[in-house]
Amino acid sequence: MDTITTIAVYLGFSIVFMMAVFLLLWKRSVKRQAEYPVHWKRLKKALDLDHTVDIATYGSSVIWNENLKQEHKKVLYREVESRKDRPELQQLWKDVYYKTHGVEPM
């Protein structure tokens, strides 16, 4: 193969790869945007029932979602802060603290 053909093949594969990655990231974003309200409602229910395992599960899902709203972050911080002495919620408390303050707790 000559140089022009090699460049054209490389450019074609690069464009196809870039489009595939963009499509996967877009689908992931749409999925997370759709599941955020569901996870938030389940987290609120778990907080009302004081169910520690569900708080840890849905809290982690909500705190790392890129669609997290500022008011939800404040509510989650306040609720997890009051329950941080439970061993099941230690990791969630560290994650919430990090997302709220921008540094890891000491």
PDB file of N, CA and C in Angstrom:
ATOM      1  N   MET A   1       0.841  -1.185   0.000  1.00  0.00           N
ATOM      2  CA  MET A   1       0.000   0.000   0.000  1.00  0.00           C
ATOM      3  C   MET A   1       0.885   1.247   0.000  1.00  0.00           C
ATOM      4  N   ASP A   2       0.406   2.204  -0.706  1.00  0.00           N
ATOM      5  CA  ASP A   2       1.159   3.452  -0.719  1.00  0.00           C
ATOM      6  C   ASP A   2       0.734   4.342   0.456  1.00  0.00           C
ATOM      7  N   THR A   3       1.358   5.451   0.604  1.00  0.00           N
ATOM      8  CA  THR A   3       1.179   6.321   1.762  1.00  0.00           C
ATOM      9  C   THR A   3      -0.234   6.902   1.832  1.00  0.00           C
ATOM     10  N   ILE A   4      -0.776   7.325   0.732  1.00  0.00           N
ATOM     11  CA  ILE A   4      -2.113   7.928   0.708  1.00  0.00           C
ATOM     12  C   ILE A   4      -3.168   6.909   1.137  1.00  0.00           C
ATOM     13  N   THR A   5      -3.067   5.692   0.667  1.00  0.00           N
ATOM     14  CA  THR A   5      -4.013   4.642   1.036  1.00  0.00           C
ATOM     15  C   THR A   5      -3.921   4.346   2.533  1.00  0.00           C
ATOM     16  N   THR A   6      -2.726   4.279   3.056  1.00  0.00           N
ATOM     17  CA  THR A   6      -2.536   4.022   4.484  1.00  0.00           C
ATOM     18  C   THR A   6      -3.145   5.141   5.320  1.00  0.00           C
ATOM     19  N   ILE A   7      -2.934   6.376   4.922  1.00  0.00           N
ATOM     20  CA  ILE A   7      -3.503   7.510   5.648  1.00  0.00           C
ATOM     21  C   ILE A   7      -5.023   7.485   5.575  1.00  0.00           C
ATOM     22  N   ALA A   8      -5.581   7.179   4.398  1.00  0.00           N
ATOM     23  CA  ALA A   8      -7.037   7.138   4.231  1.00  0.00           C
ATOM     24  C   ALA A   8      -7.659   6.035   5.084  1.00  0.00           C
ATOM     25  N   VAL A   9      -7.030   4.863   5.115  1.00  0.00           N
ATOM     26  CA  VAL A   9      -7.543   3.752   5.923  1.00  0.00           C
ATOM     27  C   VAL A   9      -7.479   4.117   7.405  1.00  0.00           C
ATOM     28  N   TYR A  10      -6.358   4.665   7.847  1.00  0.00           N
ATOM     29  CA  TYR A  10      -6.198   5.068   9.236  1.00  0.00           C
ATOM     30  C   TYR A  10      -7.220   6.131   9.616  1.00  0.00           C
ATOM     31  N   LEU A  11      -7.422   7.118   8.755  1.00  0.00           N
ATOM     32  CA  LEU A  11      -8.399   8.170   9.017  1.00  0.00           C
ATOM     33  C   LEU A  11      -9.814   7.600   9.070  1.00  0.00           C
ATOM     34  N   GLY A  12     -10.138   6.680   8.170  1.00  0.00           N
ATOM     35  CA  GLY A  12     -11.471   6.067   8.166  1.00  0.00           C
ATOM     36  C   GLY A  12     -11.743   5.281   9.437  1.00  0.00           C
ATOM     37  N   PHE A  13     -10.775   4.454   9.855  1.00  0.00           N
ATOM     38  CA  PHE A  13     -10.946   3.713  11.103  1.00  0.00           C
ATOM     39  C   PHE A  13     -11.038   4.648  12.306  1.00  0.00           C
ATOM     40  N   SER A  14     -10.277   5.712  12.290  1.00  0.00           N
ATOM     41  CA  SER A  14     -10.305   6.669  13.397  1.00  0.00           C
ATOM     42  C   SER A  14     -11.671   7.341  13.505  1.00  0.00           C
ATOM     43  N   ILE A  15     -12.236   7.721  12.385  1.00  0.00           N
ATOM     44  CA  ILE A  15     -13.549   8.368  12.392  1.00  0.00           C
ATOM     45  C   ILE A  15     -14.626   7.400  12.857  1.00  0.00           C
ATOM     46  N   VAL A  16     -14.591   6.168  12.380  1.00  0.00           N
ATOM     47  CA  VAL A  16     -15.572   5.163  12.811  1.00  0.00           C
ATOM     48  C   VAL A  16     -15.433   4.892  14.304  1.00  0.00           C
ATOM     49  N   PHE A  17     -14.216   4.771  14.791  1.00  0.00           N
ATOM     50  CA  PHE A  17     -13.984   4.531  16.220  1.00  0.00           C
ATOM     51  C   PHE A  17     -14.489   5.706  17.058  1.00  0.00           C
ATOM     52  N   MET A  18     -14.205   6.923  16.611  1.00  0.00           N
ATOM     53  CA  MET A  18     -14.645   8.109  17.331  1.00  0.00           C
ATOM     54  C   MET A  18     -16.171   8.189  17.376  1.00  0.00           C
ATOM     55  N   MET A  19     -16.827   7.866  16.292  1.00  0.00           N
ATOM     56  CA  MET A  19     -18.290   7.886  16.264  1.00  0.00           C
ATOM     57  C   MET A  19     -18.869   6.818  17.191  1.00  0.00           C
ATOM     58  N   ALA A  20     -18.248   5.643  17.227  1.00  0.00           N
ATOM     59  CA  ALA A  20     -18.720   4.573  18.108  1.00  0.00           C
ATOM     60  C   ALA A  20     -18.587   4.977  19.578  1.00  0.00           C
ATOM     61  N   VAL A  21     -17.472   5.573  19.943  1.00  0.00           N
ATOM     62  CA  VAL A  21     -17.274   6.020  21.322  1.00  0.00           C
ATOM     63  C   VAL A  21     -18.276   7.108  21.674  1.00  0.00           C
ATOM     64  N   PHE A  22     -18.487   8.062  20.781  1.00  0.00           N
ATOM     65  CA  PHE A  22     -19.463   9.118  21.014  1.00  0.00           C
ATOM     66  C   PHE A  22     -20.860   8.537  21.202  1.00  0.00           C
ATOM     67  N   LEU A  23     -21.233   7.559  20.387  1.00  0.00           N
ATOM     68  CA  LEU A  23     -22.547   6.937  20.498  1.00  0.00           C
ATOM     69  C   LEU A  23     -22.701   6.218  21.834  1.00  0.00           C
ATOM     70  N   LEU A  24     -21.684   5.487  22.262  1.00  0.00           N
ATOM     71  CA  LEU A  24     -21.753   4.790  23.548  1.00  0.00           C
ATOM     72  C   LEU A  24     -21.862   5.769  24.713  1.00  0.00           C
ATOM     73  N   LEU A  25     -21.097   6.840  24.668  1.00  0.00           N
ATOM     74  CA  LEU A  25     -21.175   7.846  25.739  1.00  0.00           C
ATOM     75  C   LEU A  25     -22.525   8.551  25.753  1.00  0.00           C
ATOM     76  N   TRP A  26     -23.074   8.810  24.591  1.00  0.00           N
ATOM     77  CA  TRP A  26     -24.383   9.450  24.508  1.00  0.00           C
ATOM     78  C   TRP A  26     -25.475   8.532  25.070  1.00  0.00           C
ATOM     79  N   LYS A  27     -25.437   7.234  24.718  1.00  0.00           N
ATOM     80  CA  LYS A  27     -26.417   6.277  25.244  1.00  0.00           C
ATOM     81  C   LYS A  27     -26.308   6.164  26.761  1.00  0.00           C
ATOM     82  N   ARG A  28     -25.087   6.156  27.275  1.00  0.00           N
ATOM     83  CA  ARG A  28     -24.869   6.086  28.719  1.00  0.00           C
ATOM     84  C   ARG A  28     -25.441   7.322  29.408  1.00  0.00           C
ATOM     85  N   SER A  29     -25.245   8.476  28.810  1.00  0.00           N
ATOM     86  CA  SER A  29     -25.765   9.715  29.381  1.00  0.00           C
ATOM     87  C   SER A  29     -27.292   9.714  29.401  1.00  0.00           C
ATOM     88  N   VAL A  30     -27.904   9.270  28.336  1.00  0.00           N
ATOM     89  CA  VAL A  30     -29.367   9.210  28.266  1.00  0.00           C
ATOM     90  C   VAL A  30     -29.903   8.227  29.308  1.00  0.00           C
ATOM     91  N   LYS A  31     -29.244   7.082  29.448  1.00  0.00           N
ATOM     92  CA  LYS A  31     -29.673   6.081  30.430  1.00  0.00           C
ATOM     93  C   LYS A  31     -29.573   6.633  31.842  1.00  0.00           C
ATOM     94  N   ARG A  32     -28.457   7.271  32.179  1.00  0.00           N
ATOM     95  CA  ARG A  32     -28.277   7.818  33.525  1.00  0.00           C
ATOM     96  C   ARG A  32     -29.253   8.956  33.803  1.00  0.00           C
ATOM     97  N   GLN A  33     -29.555   9.745  32.791  1.00  0.00           N
ATOM     98  CA  GLN A  33     -30.517  10.827  32.972  1.00  0.00           C
ATOM     99  C   GLN A  33     -31.911  10.266  33.235  1.00  0.00           C
ATOM    100  N   ALA A  34     -32.242   9.159  32.602  1.00  0.00           N
ATOM    101  CA  ALA A  34     -33.555   8.555  32.796  1.00  0.00           C
ATOM    102  C   ALA A  34     -33.672   7.851  34.142  1.00  0.00           C
ATOM    103  N   GLU A  35     -32.584   7.254  34.638  1.00  0.00           N
ATOM    104  CA  GLU A  35     -32.674   6.512  35.891  1.00  0.00           C
ATOM    105  C   GLU A  35     -32.444   7.378  37.127  1.00  0.00           C
ATOM    106  N   TYR A  36     -31.970   8.614  36.953  1.00  0.00           N
ATOM    107  CA  TYR A  36     -31.720   9.473  38.112  1.00  0.00           C
ATOM    108  C   TYR A  36     -32.971   9.732  38.951  1.00  0.00           C
ATOM    109  N   PRO A  37     -34.102  10.137  38.362  1.00  0.00           N
ATOM    110  CA  PRO A  37     -35.292  10.379  39.199  1.00  0.00           C
ATOM    111  C   PRO A  37     -35.775   9.119  39.926  1.00  0.00           C
ATOM    112  N   VAL A  38     -35.633   7.977  39.293  1.00  0.00           N
ATOM    113  CA  VAL A  38     -36.061   6.717  39.916  1.00  0.00           C
ATOM    114  C   VAL A  38     -35.183   6.413  41.128  1.00  0.00           C
ATOM    115  N   HIS A  39     -33.876   6.550  40.972  1.00  0.00           N
ATOM    116  CA  HIS A  39     -32.963   6.282  42.076  1.00  0.00           C
ATOM    117  C   HIS A  39     -33.145   7.307  43.195  1.00  0.00           C
ATOM    118  N   TRP A  40     -33.447   8.549  42.847  1.00  0.00           N
ATOM    119  CA  TRP A  40     -33.662   9.573  43.875  1.00  0.00           C
ATOM    120  C   TRP A  40     -34.911   9.239  44.701  1.00  0.00           C
ATOM    121  N   LYS A  41     -35.992   8.814  44.029  1.00  0.00           N
ATOM    122  CA  LYS A  41     -37.216   8.445  44.757  1.00  0.00           C
ATOM    123  C   LYS A  41     -36.969   7.243  45.660  1.00  0.00           C
ATOM    124  N   ARG A  42     -36.225   6.258  45.177  1.00  0.00           N
ATOM    125  CA  ARG A  42     -35.916   5.086  46.002  1.00  0.00           C
ATOM    126  C   ARG A  42     -35.022   5.463  47.177  1.00  0.00           C
ATOM    127  N   LEU A  43     -34.109   6.390  46.963  1.00  0.00           N
ATOM    128  CA  LEU A  43     -33.260   6.856  48.056  1.00  0.00           C
ATOM    129  C   LEU A  43     -34.089   7.590  49.105  1.00  0.00           C
ATOM    130  N   LYS A  44     -35.002   8.452  48.683  1.00  0.00           N
ATOM    131  CA  LYS A  44     -35.861   9.163  49.636  1.00  0.00           C
ATOM    132  C   LYS A  44     -36.701   8.179  50.446  1.00  0.00           C
ATOM    133  N   LYS A  45     -37.215   7.132  49.792  1.00  0.00           N
ATOM    134  CA  LYS A  45     -37.993   6.123  50.494  1.00  0.00           C
ATOM    135  C   LYS A  45     -37.117   5.379  51.504  1.00  0.00           C
ATOM    136  N   ALA A  46     -35.900   5.037  51.108  1.00  0.00           N
ATOM    137  CA  ALA A  46     -34.975   4.355  52.019  1.00  0.00           C
ATOM    138  C   ALA A  46     -34.608   5.249  53.196  1.00  0.00           C
ATOM    139  N   LEU A  47     -34.459   6.538  52.963  1.00  0.00           N
ATOM    140  CA  LEU A  47     -34.178   7.470  54.053  1.00  0.00           C
ATOM    141  C   LEU A  47     -35.361   7.573  55.010  1.00  0.00           C
ATOM    142  N   ASP A  48     -36.577   7.593  54.460  1.00  0.00           N
ATOM    143  CA  ASP A  48     -37.773   7.654  55.308  1.00  0.00           C
ATOM    144  C   ASP A  48     -37.925   6.392  56.149  1.00  0.00           C
ATOM    145  N   LEU A  49     -37.605   5.235  55.540  1.00  0.00           N
ATOM    146  CA  LEU A  49     -37.716   3.964  56.256  1.00  0.00           C
ATOM    147  C   LEU A  49     -36.467   3.644  57.070  1.00  0.00           C
ATOM    148  N   ASP A  50     -35.414   4.433  56.897  1.00  0.00           N
ATOM    149  CA  ASP A  50     -34.140   4.252  57.587  1.00  0.00           C
ATOM    150  C   ASP A  50     -33.533   2.873  57.302  1.00  0.00           C
ATOM    151  N   HIS A  51     -33.581   2.469  56.042  1.00  0.00           N
ATOM    152  CA  HIS A  51     -33.043   1.184  55.599  1.00  0.00           C
ATOM    153  C   HIS A  51     -31.607   1.405  55.107  1.00  0.00           C
ATOM    154  N   THR A  52     -30.645   0.991  55.904  1.00  0.00           N
ATOM    155  CA  THR A  52     -29.240   1.318  55.691  1.00  0.00           C
ATOM    156  C   THR A  52     -28.684   0.771  54.380  1.00  0.00           C
ATOM    157  N   VAL A  53     -28.999  -0.448  54.037  1.00  0.00           N
ATOM    158  CA  VAL A  53     -28.447  -1.061  52.823  1.00  0.00           C
ATOM    159  C   VAL A  53     -28.942  -0.322  51.579  1.00  0.00           C
ATOM    160  N   ASP A  54     -30.227   0.007  51.551  1.00  0.00           N
ATOM    161  CA  ASP A  54     -30.756   0.739  50.403  1.00  0.00           C
ATOM    162  C   ASP A  54     -30.215   2.166  50.350  1.00  0.00           C
ATOM    163  N   ILE A  55     -29.998   2.783  51.501  1.00  0.00           N
ATOM    164  CA  ILE A  55     -29.407   4.119  51.521  1.00  0.00           C
ATOM    165  C   ILE A  55     -28.024   4.074  50.894  1.00  0.00           C
ATOM    166  N   ALA A  56     -27.241   3.073  51.253  1.00  0.00           N
ATOM    167  CA  ALA A  56     -25.886   2.946  50.692  1.00  0.00           C
ATOM    168  C   ALA A  56     -25.939   2.672  49.193  1.00  0.00           C
ATOM    169  N   THR A  57     -26.842   1.811  48.763  1.00  0.00           N
ATOM    170  CA  THR A  57     -26.934   1.440  47.346  1.00  0.00           C
ATOM    171  C   THR A  57     -27.384   2.618  46.488  1.00  0.00           C
ATOM    172  N   TYR A  58     -28.524   3.187  46.816  1.00  0.00           N
ATOM    173  CA  TYR A  58     -29.074   4.266  46.001  1.00  0.00           C
ATOM    174  C   TYR A  58     -28.339   5.577  46.217  1.00  0.00           C
ATOM    175  N   GLY A  59     -27.794   5.783  47.408  1.00  0.00           N
ATOM    176  CA  GLY A  59     -27.003   6.980  47.650  1.00  0.00           C
ATOM    177  C   GLY A  59     -25.769   7.015  46.788  1.00  0.00           C
ATOM    178  N   SER A  60     -25.106   5.888  46.661  1.00  0.00           N
ATOM    179  CA  SER A  60     -23.922   5.806  45.802  1.00  0.00           C
ATOM    180  C   SER A  60     -24.293   6.033  44.343  1.00  0.00           C
ATOM    181  N   SER A  61     -25.414   5.477  43.933  1.00  0.00           N
ATOM    182  CA  SER A  61     -25.862   5.661  42.554  1.00  0.00           C
ATOM    183  C   SER A  61     -26.187   7.124  42.276  1.00  0.00           C
ATOM    184  N   VAL A  62     -26.830   7.776  43.226  1.00  0.00           N
ATOM    185  CA  VAL A  62     -27.231   9.173  43.037  1.00  0.00           C
ATOM    186  C   VAL A  62     -26.029  10.110  43.100  1.00  0.00           C
ATOM    187  N   ILE A  63     -25.133   9.901  44.048  1.00  0.00           N
ATOM    188  CA  ILE A  63     -24.030  10.852  44.239  1.00  0.00           C
ATOM    189  C   ILE A  63     -23.055  10.847  43.063  1.00  0.00           C
ATOM    190  N   TRP A  64     -22.899   9.733  42.380  1.00  0.00           N
ATOM    191  CA  TRP A  64     -21.972   9.681  41.247  1.00  0.00           C
ATOM    192  C   TRP A  64     -22.649   9.921  39.906  1.00  0.00           C
ATOM    193  N   ASN A  65     -23.945  10.202  39.912  1.00  0.00           N
ATOM    194  CA  ASN A  65     -24.647  10.503  38.672  1.00  0.00           C
ATOM    195  C   ASN A  65     -24.338  11.944  38.263  1.00  0.00           C
ATOM    196  N   GLU A  66     -24.015  12.154  37.002  1.00  0.00           N
ATOM    197  CA  GLU A  66     -23.666  13.500  36.554  1.00  0.00           C
ATOM    198  C   GLU A  66     -24.861  14.440  36.498  1.00  0.00           C
ATOM    199  N   ASN A  67     -26.063  13.932  36.678  1.00  0.00           N
ATOM    200  CA  ASN A  67     -27.267  14.753  36.695  1.00  0.00           C
ATOM    201  C   ASN A  67     -27.661  15.187  38.109  1.00  0.00           C
ATOM    202  N   LEU A  68     -26.775  14.985  39.063  1.00  0.00           N
ATOM    203  CA  LEU A  68     -27.043  15.325  40.459  1.00  0.00           C
ATOM    204  C   LEU A  68     -27.333  16.810  40.596  1.00  0.00           C
ATOM    205  N   LYS A  69     -28.444  17.114  41.264  1.00  0.00           N
ATOM    206  CA  LYS A  69     -28.832  18.504  41.474  1.00  0.00           C
ATOM    207  C   LYS A  69     -28.253  19.003  42.790  1.00  0.00           C
ATOM    208  N   GLN A  70     -27.998  20.280  42.861  1.00  0.00           N
ATOM    209  CA  GLN A  70     -27.380  20.878  44.040  1.00  0.00           C
ATOM    210  C   GLN A  70     -28.239  20.691  45.289  1.00  0.00           C
ATOM    211  N   GLU A  71     -29.547  20.866  45.161  1.00  0.00           N
ATOM    212  CA  GLU A  71     -30.420  20.707  46.331  1.00  0.00           C
ATOM    213  C   GLU A  71     -30.477  19.253  46.798  1.00  0.00           C
ATOM    214  N   HIS A  72     -30.371  18.316  45.867  1.00  0.00           N
ATOM    215  CA  HIS A  72     -30.326  16.902  46.242  1.00  0.00           C
ATOM    216  C   HIS A  72     -29.023  16.576  46.947  1.00  0.00           C
ATOM    217  N   LYS A  73     -27.943  17.196  46.493  1.00  0.00           N
ATOM    218  CA  LYS A  73     -26.648  16.978  47.127  1.00  0.00           C
ATOM    219  C   LYS A  73     -26.676  17.457  48.577  1.00  0.00           C
ATOM    220  N   LYS A  74     -27.318  18.603  48.816  1.00  0.00           N
ATOM    221  CA  LYS A  74     -27.415  19.133  50.174  1.00  0.00           C
ATOM    222  C   LYS A  74     -28.257  18.227  51.069  1.00  0.00           C
ATOM    223  N   VAL A  75     -29.369  17.745  50.547  1.00  0.00           N
ATOM    224  CA  VAL A  75     -30.230  16.839  51.320  1.00  0.00           C
ATOM    225  C   VAL A  75     -29.488  15.548  51.633  1.00  0.00           C
ATOM    226  N   LEU A  76     -28.818  14.997  50.646  1.00  0.00           N
ATOM    227  CA  LEU A  76     -28.080  13.755  50.838  1.00  0.00           C
ATOM    228  C   LEU A  76     -26.954  13.937  51.853  1.00  0.00           C
ATOM    229  N   TYR A  77     -26.258  15.052  51.785  1.00  0.00           N
ATOM    230  CA  TYR A  77     -25.189  15.314  52.751  1.00  0.00           C
ATOM    231  C   TYR A  77     -25.746  15.398  54.173  1.00  0.00           C
ATOM    232  N   ARG A  78     -26.823  16.127  54.335  1.00  0.00           N
ATOM    233  CA  ARG A  78     -27.434  16.281  55.663  1.00  0.00           C
ATOM    234  C   ARG A  78     -27.902  14.935  56.221  1.00  0.00           C
ATOM    235  N   GLU A  79     -28.534  14.126  55.386  1.00  0.00           N
ATOM    236  CA  GLU A  79     -29.057  12.838  55.844  1.00  0.00           C
ATOM    237  C   GLU A  79     -27.938  11.842  56.156  1.00  0.00           C
ATOM    238  N   VAL A  80     -26.934  11.782  55.301  1.00  0.00           N
ATOM    239  CA  VAL A  80     -25.844  10.833  55.510  1.00  0.00           C
ATOM    240  C   VAL A  80     -24.961  11.292  56.674  1.00  0.00           C
ATOM    241  N   GLU A  81     -24.810  12.596  56.840  1.00  0.00           N
ATOM    242  CA  GLU A  81     -24.022  13.133  57.951  1.00  0.00           C
ATOM    243  C   GLU A  81     -24.615  12.696  59.297  1.00  0.00           C
ATOM    244  N   SER A  82     -25.931  12.647  59.381  1.00  0.00           N
ATOM    245  CA  SER A  82     -26.567  12.242  60.637  1.00  0.00           C
ATOM    246  C   SER A  82     -26.460  10.737  60.883  1.00  0.00           C
ATOM    247  N   ARG A  83     -26.143   9.966  59.840  1.00  0.00           N
ATOM    248  CA  ARG A  83     -26.054   8.514  59.971  1.00  0.00           C
ATOM    249  C   ARG A  83     -24.636   7.984  59.741  1.00  0.00           C
ATOM    250  N   LYS A  84     -23.638   8.833  59.753  1.00  0.00           N
ATOM    251  CA  LYS A  84     -22.284   8.428  59.357  1.00  0.00           C
ATOM    252  C   LYS A  84     -21.623   7.456  60.325  1.00  0.00           C
ATOM    253  N   ASP A  85     -22.174   7.258  61.509  1.00  0.00           N
ATOM    254  CA  ASP A  85     -21.570   6.332  62.468  1.00  0.00           C
ATOM    255  C   ASP A  85     -21.855   4.876  62.129  1.00  0.00           C
ATOM    256  N   ARG A  86     -22.755   4.623  61.201  1.00  0.00           N
ATOM    257  CA  ARG A  86     -23.061   3.244  60.794  1.00  0.00           C
ATOM    258  C   ARG A  86     -21.966   2.740  59.847  1.00  0.00           C
ATOM    259  N   PRO A  87     -21.466   1.535  60.071  1.00  0.00           N
ATOM    260  CA  PRO A  87     -20.365   1.029  59.229  1.00  0.00           C
ATOM    261  C   PRO A  87     -20.750   0.860  57.756  1.00  0.00           C
ATOM    262  N   GLU A  88     -22.012   0.557  57.479  1.00  0.00           N
ATOM    263  CA  GLU A  88     -22.433   0.356  56.088  1.00  0.00           C
ATOM    264  C   GLU A  88     -22.418   1.661  55.295  1.00  0.00           C
ATOM    265  N   LEU A  89     -22.479   2.791  55.994  1.00  0.00           N
ATOM    266  CA  LEU A  89     -22.559   4.076  55.315  1.00  0.00           C
ATOM    267  C   LEU A  89     -21.250   4.858  55.320  1.00  0.00           C
ATOM    268  N   GLN A  90     -20.172   4.253  55.788  1.00  0.00           N
ATOM    269  CA  GLN A  90     -18.892   4.965  55.853  1.00  0.00           C
ATOM    270  C   GLN A  90     -18.401   5.376  54.462  1.00  0.00           C
ATOM    271  N   GLN A  91     -18.439   4.476  53.504  1.00  0.00           N
ATOM    272  CA  GLN A  91     -17.970   4.799  52.158  1.00  0.00           C
ATOM    273  C   GLN A  91     -18.874   5.842  51.503  1.00  0.00           C
ATOM    274  N   LEU A  92     -20.176   5.703  51.692  1.00  0.00           N
ATOM    275  CA  LEU A  92     -21.098   6.692  51.126  1.00  0.00           C
ATOM    276  C   LEU A  92     -20.840   8.060  51.733  1.00  0.00           C
ATOM    277  N   TRP A  93     -20.587   8.115  53.044  1.00  0.00           N
ATOM    278  CA  TRP A  93     -20.323   9.401  53.687  1.00  0.00           C
ATOM    279  C   TRP A  93     -19.056  10.035  53.104  1.00  0.00           C
ATOM    280  N   LYS A  94     -18.027   9.239  52.870  1.00  0.00           N
ATOM    281  CA  LYS A  94     -16.794   9.768  52.277  1.00  0.00           C
ATOM    282  C   LYS A  94     -17.053  10.304  50.862  1.00  0.00           C
ATOM    283  N   ASP A  95     -17.851   9.567  50.087  1.00  0.00           N
ATOM    284  CA  ASP A  95     -18.166  10.003  48.725  1.00  0.00           C
ATOM    285  C   ASP A  95     -18.985  11.291  48.724  1.00  0.00           C
ATOM    286  N   VAL A  96     -19.979  11.361  49.599  1.00  0.00           N
ATOM    287  CA  VAL A  96     -20.826  12.555  49.685  1.00  0.00           C
ATOM    288  C   VAL A  96     -20.002  13.746  50.161  1.00  0.00           C
ATOM    289  N   TYR A  97     -19.155  13.531  51.139  1.00  0.00           N
ATOM    290  CA  TYR A  97     -18.296  14.606  51.635  1.00  0.00           C
ATOM    291  C   TYR A  97     -17.377  15.109  50.526  1.00  0.00           C
ATOM    292  N   TYR A  98     -16.815  14.180  49.765  1.00  0.00           N
ATOM    293  CA  TYR A  98     -15.933  14.553  48.658  1.00  0.00           C
ATOM    294  C   TYR A  98     -16.681  15.362  47.605  1.00  0.00           C
ATOM    295  N   LYS A  99     -17.877  14.912  47.227  1.00  0.00           N
ATOM    296  CA  LYS A  99     -18.641  15.608  46.208  1.00  0.00           C
ATOM    297  C   LYS A  99     -19.128  16.970  46.705  1.00  0.00           C
ATOM    298  N   THR A 100     -19.334  17.121  48.012  1.00  0.00           N
ATOM    299  CA  THR A 100     -19.817  18.378  48.562  1.00  0.00           C
ATOM    300  C   THR A 100     -18.685  19.377  48.791  1.00  0.00           C
ATOM    301  N   HIS A 101     -17.593  18.927  49.378  1.00  0.00           N
ATOM    302  CA  HIS A 101     -16.507  19.832  49.754  1.00  0.00           C
ATOM    303  C   HIS A 101     -15.321  19.817  48.794  1.00  0.00           C
ATOM    304  N   GLY A 102     -15.206  18.823  47.953  1.00  0.00           N
ATOM    305  CA  GLY A 102     -14.116  18.759  46.993  1.00  0.00           C
ATOM    306  C   GLY A 102     -12.828  18.164  47.540  1.00  0.00           C
ATOM    307  N   VAL A 103     -12.840  17.748  48.787  1.00  0.00           N
ATOM    308  CA  VAL A 103     -11.667  17.086  49.391  1.00  0.00           C
ATOM    309  C   VAL A 103     -12.144  15.854  50.141  1.00  0.00           C
ATOM    310  N   GLU A 104     -11.224  14.931  50.359  1.00  0.00           N
ATOM    311  CA  GLU A 104     -11.573  13.742  51.125  1.00  0.00           C
ATOM    312  C   GLU A 104     -11.580  14.069  52.609  1.00  0.00           C
ATOM    313  N   PRO A 105     -12.490  13.438  53.372  1.00  0.00           N
ATOM    314  CA  PRO A 105     -12.524  13.700  54.808  1.00  0.00           C
ATOM    315  C   PRO A 105     -11.293  13.132  55.510  1.00  0.00           C
ATOM    316  N   MET A 106     -10.951  13.764  56.586  1.00  0.00           N
ATOM    317  CA  MET A 106      -9.781  13.294  57.359  1.00  0.00           C
ATOM    318  C   MET A 106     -10.225  12.446  58.518  1.00  0.00           C
TER     319      MET A 106
END
